[in-house]
Amino acid sequence: MATQAHLKRAVRGRPTGADTLSVRWRYLRHRRRLSGRAWVASWVTVATVLGWLFVVGMAGLGH
């Protein structure tokens, strides 16, 4: 049975030059996913604030 030892890397931080290419690719994919999620969270936050301001503005015009 093949071992997965070659796929392991240090617990923290970036992969080093001693790590295999598959470890580096996995690290980069993980980073891309995190940055994508950050952009989605930013856009959702902006849309929520703008929507809230729109509702408050329309409610203010109704008074």
PDB file of N, CA and C in Angstrom:
ATOM      1  N   MET A   1       0.843  -1.180   0.000  1.00  0.00           N
ATOM      2  CA  MET A   1       0.000   0.000   0.000  1.00  0.00           C
ATOM      3  C   MET A   1       0.891   1.247   0.000  1.00  0.00           C
ATOM      4  N   ALA A   2       0.560   2.177  -0.838  1.00  0.00           N
ATOM      5  CA  ALA A   2       1.366   3.392  -0.952  1.00  0.00           C
ATOM      6  C   ALA A   2       1.116   4.297   0.247  1.00  0.00           C
ATOM      7  N   THR A   3       2.147   4.960   0.681  1.00  0.00           N
ATOM      8  CA  THR A   3       1.995   5.882   1.801  1.00  0.00           C
ATOM      9  C   THR A   3       1.734   7.278   1.272  1.00  0.00           C
ATOM     10  N   GLN A   4       1.147   8.068   2.110  1.00  0.00           N
ATOM     11  CA  GLN A   4       0.839   9.448   1.760  1.00  0.00           C
ATOM     12  C   GLN A   4       1.883  10.405   2.327  1.00  0.00           C
ATOM     13  N   ALA A   5       3.008   9.903   2.738  1.00  0.00           N
ATOM     14  CA  ALA A   5       4.033  10.739   3.367  1.00  0.00           C
ATOM     15  C   ALA A   5       4.529  11.819   2.413  1.00  0.00           C
ATOM     16  N   HIS A   6       4.562  11.523   1.126  1.00  0.00           N
ATOM     17  CA  HIS A   6       5.070  12.515   0.177  1.00  0.00           C
ATOM     18  C   HIS A   6       4.075  13.651  -0.051  1.00  0.00           C
ATOM     19  N   LEU A   7       2.827  13.493   0.408  1.00  0.00           N
ATOM     20  CA  LEU A   7       1.832  14.550   0.242  1.00  0.00           C
ATOM     21  C   LEU A   7       1.744  15.462   1.458  1.00  0.00           C
ATOM     22  N   LYS A   8       2.463  15.122   2.520  1.00  0.00           N
ATOM     23  CA  LYS A   8       2.402  15.928   3.734  1.00  0.00           C
ATOM     24  C   LYS A   8       3.365  17.097   3.628  1.00  0.00           C
ATOM     25  N   ARG A   9       3.016  18.155   4.333  1.00  0.00           N
ATOM     26  CA  ARG A   9       3.897  19.311   4.401  1.00  0.00           C
ATOM     27  C   ARG A   9       3.852  19.853   5.813  1.00  0.00           C
ATOM     28  N   ALA A  10       4.593  20.912   6.048  1.00  0.00           N
ATOM     29  CA  ALA A  10       4.610  21.506   7.378  1.00  0.00           C
ATOM     30  C   ALA A  10       3.199  21.942   7.768  1.00  0.00           C
ATOM     31  N   VAL A  11       2.930  21.916   9.057  1.00  0.00           N
ATOM     32  CA  VAL A  11       1.594  22.235   9.538  1.00  0.00           C
ATOM     33  C   VAL A  11       1.237  23.676   9.214  1.00  0.00           C
ATOM     34  N   ARG A  12       2.169  24.567   9.348  1.00  0.00           N
ATOM     35  CA  ARG A  12       1.887  25.984   9.106  1.00  0.00           C
ATOM     36  C   ARG A  12       2.783  26.517   7.999  1.00  0.00           C
ATOM     37  N   GLY A  13       2.289  27.531   7.342  1.00  0.00           N
ATOM     38  CA  GLY A  13       3.103  28.227   6.364  1.00  0.00           C
ATOM     39  C   GLY A  13       3.037  27.641   4.972  1.00  0.00           C
ATOM     40  N   ARG A  14       3.805  28.249   4.121  1.00  0.00           N
ATOM     41  CA  ARG A  14       3.846  27.862   2.716  1.00  0.00           C
ATOM     42  C   ARG A  14       4.666  26.606   2.518  1.00  0.00           C
ATOM     43  N   PRO A  15       4.400  25.917   1.399  1.00  0.00           N
ATOM     44  CA  PRO A  15       5.251  24.766   1.093  1.00  0.00           C
ATOM     45  C   PRO A  15       6.671  25.223   0.781  1.00  0.00           C
ATOM     46  N   THR A  16       7.621  24.399   1.109  1.00  0.00           N
ATOM     47  CA  THR A  16       9.017  24.723   0.839  1.00  0.00           C
ATOM     48  C   THR A  16       9.446  24.063  -0.461  1.00  0.00           C
ATOM     49  N   GLY A  17      10.658  24.301  -0.858  1.00  0.00           N
ATOM     50  CA  GLY A  17      11.180  23.682  -2.067  1.00  0.00           C
ATOM     51  C   GLY A  17      11.332  22.178  -1.943  1.00  0.00           C
ATOM     52  N   ALA A  18      11.341  21.674  -0.722  1.00  0.00           N
ATOM     53  CA  ALA A  18      11.460  20.232  -0.509  1.00  0.00           C
ATOM     54  C   ALA A  18      10.135  19.510  -0.715  1.00  0.00           C
ATOM     55  N   ASP A  19       9.033  20.253  -0.735  1.00  0.00           N
ATOM     56  CA  ASP A  19       7.718  19.639  -0.910  1.00  0.00           C
ATOM     57  C   ASP A  19       7.500  19.245  -2.363  1.00  0.00           C
ATOM     58  N   THR A  20       6.634  18.281  -2.560  1.00  0.00           N
ATOM     59  CA  THR A  20       6.352  17.811  -3.914  1.00  0.00           C
ATOM     60  C   THR A  20       5.455  18.797  -4.646  1.00  0.00           C
ATOM     61  N   LEU A  21       5.389  18.636  -5.947  1.00  0.00           N
ATOM     62  CA  LEU A  21       4.576  19.523  -6.769  1.00  0.00           C
ATOM     63  C   LEU A  21       3.099  19.412  -6.421  1.00  0.00           C
ATOM     64  N   SER A  22       2.638  18.226  -6.084  1.00  0.00           N
ATOM     65  CA  SER A  22       1.226  18.060  -5.728  1.00  0.00           C
ATOM     66  C   SER A  22       0.878  18.838  -4.465  1.00  0.00           C
ATOM     67  N   VAL A  23       1.807  18.931  -3.532  1.00  0.00           N
ATOM     68  CA  VAL A  23       1.574  19.712  -2.313  1.00  0.00           C
ATOM     69  C   VAL A  23       1.474  21.189  -2.656  1.00  0.00           C
ATOM     70  N   ARG A  24       2.340  21.654  -3.525  1.00  0.00           N
ATOM     71  CA  ARG A  24       2.300  23.070  -3.924  1.00  0.00           C
ATOM     72  C   ARG A  24       1.011  23.400  -4.658  1.00  0.00           C
ATOM     73  N   TRP A  25       0.586  22.518  -5.564  1.00  0.00           N
ATOM     74  CA  TRP A  25      -0.671  22.756  -6.295  1.00  0.00           C
ATOM     75  C   TRP A  25      -1.854  22.802  -5.338  1.00  0.00           C
ATOM     76  N   ARG A  26      -1.877  21.883  -4.379  1.00  0.00           N
ATOM     77  CA  ARG A  26      -2.975  21.863  -3.410  1.00  0.00           C
ATOM     78  C   ARG A  26      -2.984  23.150  -2.593  1.00  0.00           C
ATOM     79  N   TYR A  27      -1.806  23.628  -2.208  1.00  0.00           N
ATOM     80  CA  TYR A  27      -1.704  24.879  -1.455  1.00  0.00           C
ATOM     81  C   TYR A  27      -2.250  26.049  -2.273  1.00  0.00           C
ATOM     82  N   LEU A  28      -1.875  26.118  -3.554  1.00  0.00           N
ATOM     83  CA  LEU A  28      -2.346  27.214  -4.399  1.00  0.00           C
ATOM     84  C   LEU A  28      -3.849  27.141  -4.638  1.00  0.00           C
ATOM     85  N   ARG A  29      -4.396  25.943  -4.828  1.00  0.00           N
ATOM     86  CA  ARG A  29      -5.844  25.795  -4.994  1.00  0.00           C
ATOM     87  C   ARG A  29      -6.570  26.267  -3.746  1.00  0.00           C
ATOM     88  N   HIS A  30      -6.032  25.910  -2.590  1.00  0.00           N
ATOM     89  CA  HIS A  30      -6.640  26.318  -1.323  1.00  0.00           C
ATOM     90  C   HIS A  30      -6.609  27.840  -1.180  1.00  0.00           C
ATOM     91  N   ARG A  31      -5.487  28.454  -1.541  1.00  0.00           N
ATOM     92  CA  ARG A  31      -5.390  29.918  -1.473  1.00  0.00           C
ATOM     93  C   ARG A  31      -6.375  30.584  -2.405  1.00  0.00           C
ATOM     94  N   ARG A  32      -6.534  30.042  -3.629  1.00  0.00           N
ATOM     95  CA  ARG A  32      -7.486  30.611  -4.581  1.00  0.00           C
ATOM     96  C   ARG A  32      -8.904  30.541  -4.047  1.00  0.00           C
ATOM     97  N   ARG A  33      -9.248  29.408  -3.430  1.00  0.00           N
ATOM     98  CA  ARG A  33     -10.594  29.269  -2.875  1.00  0.00           C
ATOM     99  C   ARG A  33     -10.831  30.285  -1.771  1.00  0.00           C
ATOM    100  N   LEU A  34      -9.841  30.498  -0.915  1.00  0.00           N
ATOM    101  CA  LEU A  34      -9.998  31.453   0.172  1.00  0.00           C
ATOM    102  C   LEU A  34     -10.148  32.872  -0.352  1.00  0.00           C
ATOM    103  N   SER A  35      -9.357  33.242  -1.355  1.00  0.00           N
ATOM    104  CA  SER A  35      -9.472  34.597  -1.886  1.00  0.00           C
ATOM    105  C   SER A  35     -10.799  34.769  -2.608  1.00  0.00           C
ATOM    106  N   GLY A  36     -11.283  33.720  -3.271  1.00  0.00           N
ATOM    107  CA  GLY A  36     -12.595  33.787  -3.920  1.00  0.00           C
ATOM    108  C   GLY A  36     -13.701  33.986  -2.904  1.00  0.00           C
ATOM    109  N   ARG A  37     -13.607  33.286  -1.793  1.00  0.00           N
ATOM    110  CA  ARG A  37     -14.613  33.446  -0.738  1.00  0.00           C
ATOM    111  C   ARG A  37     -14.565  34.844  -0.142  1.00  0.00           C
ATOM    112  N   ALA A  38     -13.381  35.409  -0.021  1.00  0.00           N
ATOM    113  CA  ALA A  38     -13.258  36.763   0.521  1.00  0.00           C
ATOM    114  C   ALA A  38     -13.938  37.766  -0.401  1.00  0.00           C
ATOM    115  N   TRP A  39     -13.764  37.606  -1.715  1.00  0.00           N
ATOM    116  CA  TRP A  39     -14.433  38.503  -2.663  1.00  0.00           C
ATOM    117  C   TRP A  39     -15.946  38.362  -2.576  1.00  0.00           C
ATOM    118  N   VAL A  40     -16.436  37.149  -2.478  1.00  0.00           N
ATOM    119  CA  VAL A  40     -17.881  36.934  -2.361  1.00  0.00           C
ATOM    120  C   VAL A  40     -18.404  37.577  -1.084  1.00  0.00           C
ATOM    121  N   ALA A  41     -17.698  37.396   0.012  1.00  0.00           N
ATOM    122  CA  ALA A  41     -18.121  37.997   1.279  1.00  0.00           C
ATOM    123  C   ALA A  41     -18.124  39.517   1.186  1.00  0.00           C
ATOM    124  N   SER A  42     -17.147  40.095   0.503  1.00  0.00           N
ATOM    125  CA  SER A  42     -17.093  41.549   0.338  1.00  0.00           C
ATOM    126  C   SER A  42     -18.278  42.051  -0.471  1.00  0.00           C
ATOM    127  N   TRP A  43     -18.561  41.393  -1.590  1.00  0.00           N
ATOM    128  CA  TRP A  43     -19.685  41.811  -2.428  1.00  0.00           C
ATOM    129  C   TRP A  43     -21.012  41.660  -1.697  1.00  0.00           C
ATOM    130  N   VAL A  44     -21.186  40.588  -0.953  1.00  0.00           N
ATOM    131  CA  VAL A  44     -22.425  40.397  -0.195  1.00  0.00           C
ATOM    132  C   VAL A  44     -22.574  41.490   0.854  1.00  0.00           C
ATOM    133  N   THR A  45     -21.487  41.853   1.511  1.00  0.00           N
ATOM    134  CA  THR A  45     -21.529  42.916   2.515  1.00  0.00           C
ATOM    135  C   THR A  45     -21.901  44.249   1.886  1.00  0.00           C
ATOM    136  N   VAL A  46     -21.278  44.580   0.763  1.00  0.00           N
ATOM    137  CA  VAL A  46     -21.579  45.843   0.075  1.00  0.00           C
ATOM    138  C   VAL A  46     -23.034  45.866  -0.378  1.00  0.00           C
ATOM    139  N   ALA A  47     -23.510  44.773  -0.956  1.00  0.00           N
ATOM    140  CA  ALA A  47     -24.898  44.713  -1.422  1.00  0.00           C
ATOM    141  C   ALA A  47     -25.872  44.838  -0.255  1.00  0.00           C
ATOM    142  N   THR A  48     -25.537  44.242   0.872  1.00  0.00           N
ATOM    143  CA  THR A  48     -26.401  44.332   2.050  1.00  0.00           C
ATOM    144  C   THR A  48     -26.482  45.760   2.564  1.00  0.00           C
ATOM    145  N   VAL A  49     -25.350  46.425   2.658  1.00  0.00           N
ATOM    146  CA  VAL A  49     -25.333  47.810   3.145  1.00  0.00           C
ATOM    147  C   VAL A  49     -26.089  48.719   2.185  1.00  0.00           C
ATOM    148  N   LEU A  50     -25.859  48.570   0.889  1.00  0.00           N
ATOM    149  CA  LEU A  50     -26.573  49.407  -0.082  1.00  0.00           C
ATOM    150  C   LEU A  50     -28.074  49.131  -0.056  1.00  0.00           C
ATOM    151  N   GLY A  51     -28.451  47.876   0.070  1.00  0.00           N
ATOM    152  CA  GLY A  51     -29.872  47.544   0.171  1.00  0.00           C
ATOM    153  C   GLY A  51     -30.501  48.143   1.412  1.00  0.00           C
ATOM    154  N   TRP A  52     -29.777  48.073   2.516  1.00  0.00           N
ATOM    155  CA  TRP A  52     -30.284  48.653   3.753  1.00  0.00           C
ATOM    156  C   TRP A  52     -30.434  50.172   3.613  1.00  0.00           C
ATOM    157  N   LEU A  53     -29.458  50.833   3.009  1.00  0.00           N
ATOM    158  CA  LEU A  53     -29.556  52.283   2.807  1.00  0.00           C
ATOM    159  C   LEU A  53     -30.728  52.639   1.901  1.00  0.00           C
ATOM    160  N   PHE A  54     -30.972  51.823   0.890  1.00  0.00           N
ATOM    161  CA  PHE A  54     -32.104  52.054   0.000  1.00  0.00           C
ATOM    162  C   PHE A  54     -33.422  51.946   0.769  1.00  0.00           C
ATOM    163  N   VAL A  55     -33.557  50.922   1.585  1.00  0.00           N
ATOM    164  CA  VAL A  55     -34.788  50.733   2.363  1.00  0.00           C
ATOM    165  C   VAL A  55     -34.979  51.881   3.345  1.00  0.00           C
ATOM    166  N   VAL A  56     -33.922  52.282   4.025  1.00  0.00           N
ATOM    167  CA  VAL A  56     -34.015  53.389   4.982  1.00  0.00           C
ATOM    168  C   VAL A  56     -34.360  54.685   4.258  1.00  0.00           C
ATOM    169  N   GLY A  57     -33.765  54.900   3.091  1.00  0.00           N
ATOM    170  CA  GLY A  57     -34.067  56.105   2.319  1.00  0.00           C
ATOM    171  C   GLY A  57     -35.511  56.148   1.860  1.00  0.00           C
ATOM    172  N   MET A  58     -36.024  55.027   1.390  1.00  0.00           N
ATOM    173  CA  MET A  58     -37.420  54.983   0.954  1.00  0.00           C
ATOM    174  C   MET A  58     -38.369  55.148   2.138  1.00  0.00           C
ATOM    175  N   ALA A  59     -38.014  54.593   3.276  1.00  0.00           N
ATOM    176  CA  ALA A  59     -38.846  54.751   4.471  1.00  0.00           C
ATOM    177  C   ALA A  59     -38.838  56.206   4.925  1.00  0.00           C
ATOM    178  N   GLY A  60     -37.694  56.866   4.783  1.00  0.00           N
ATOM    179  CA  GLY A  60     -37.602  58.276   5.155  1.00  0.00           C
ATOM    180  C   GLY A  60     -38.424  59.160   4.241  1.00  0.00           C
ATOM    181  N   LEU A  61     -38.519  58.806   2.970  1.00  0.00           N
ATOM    182  CA  LEU A  61     -39.323  59.589   2.035  1.00  0.00           C
ATOM    183  C   LEU A  61     -40.815  59.416   2.296  1.00  0.00           C
ATOM    184  N   GLY A  62     -41.197  58.312   2.898  1.00  0.00           N
ATOM    185  CA  GLY A  62     -42.608  58.048   3.168  1.00  0.00           C
ATOM    186  C   GLY A  62     -43.153  58.840   4.342  1.00  0.00           C
ATOM    187  N   HIS A  63     -42.291  59.412   5.145  1.00  0.00           N
ATOM    188  CA  HIS A  63     -42.765  60.150   6.329  1.00  0.00           C
ATOM    189  C   HIS A  63     -43.187  61.515   5.972  1.00  0.00           C
TER     190      HIS A  63
END
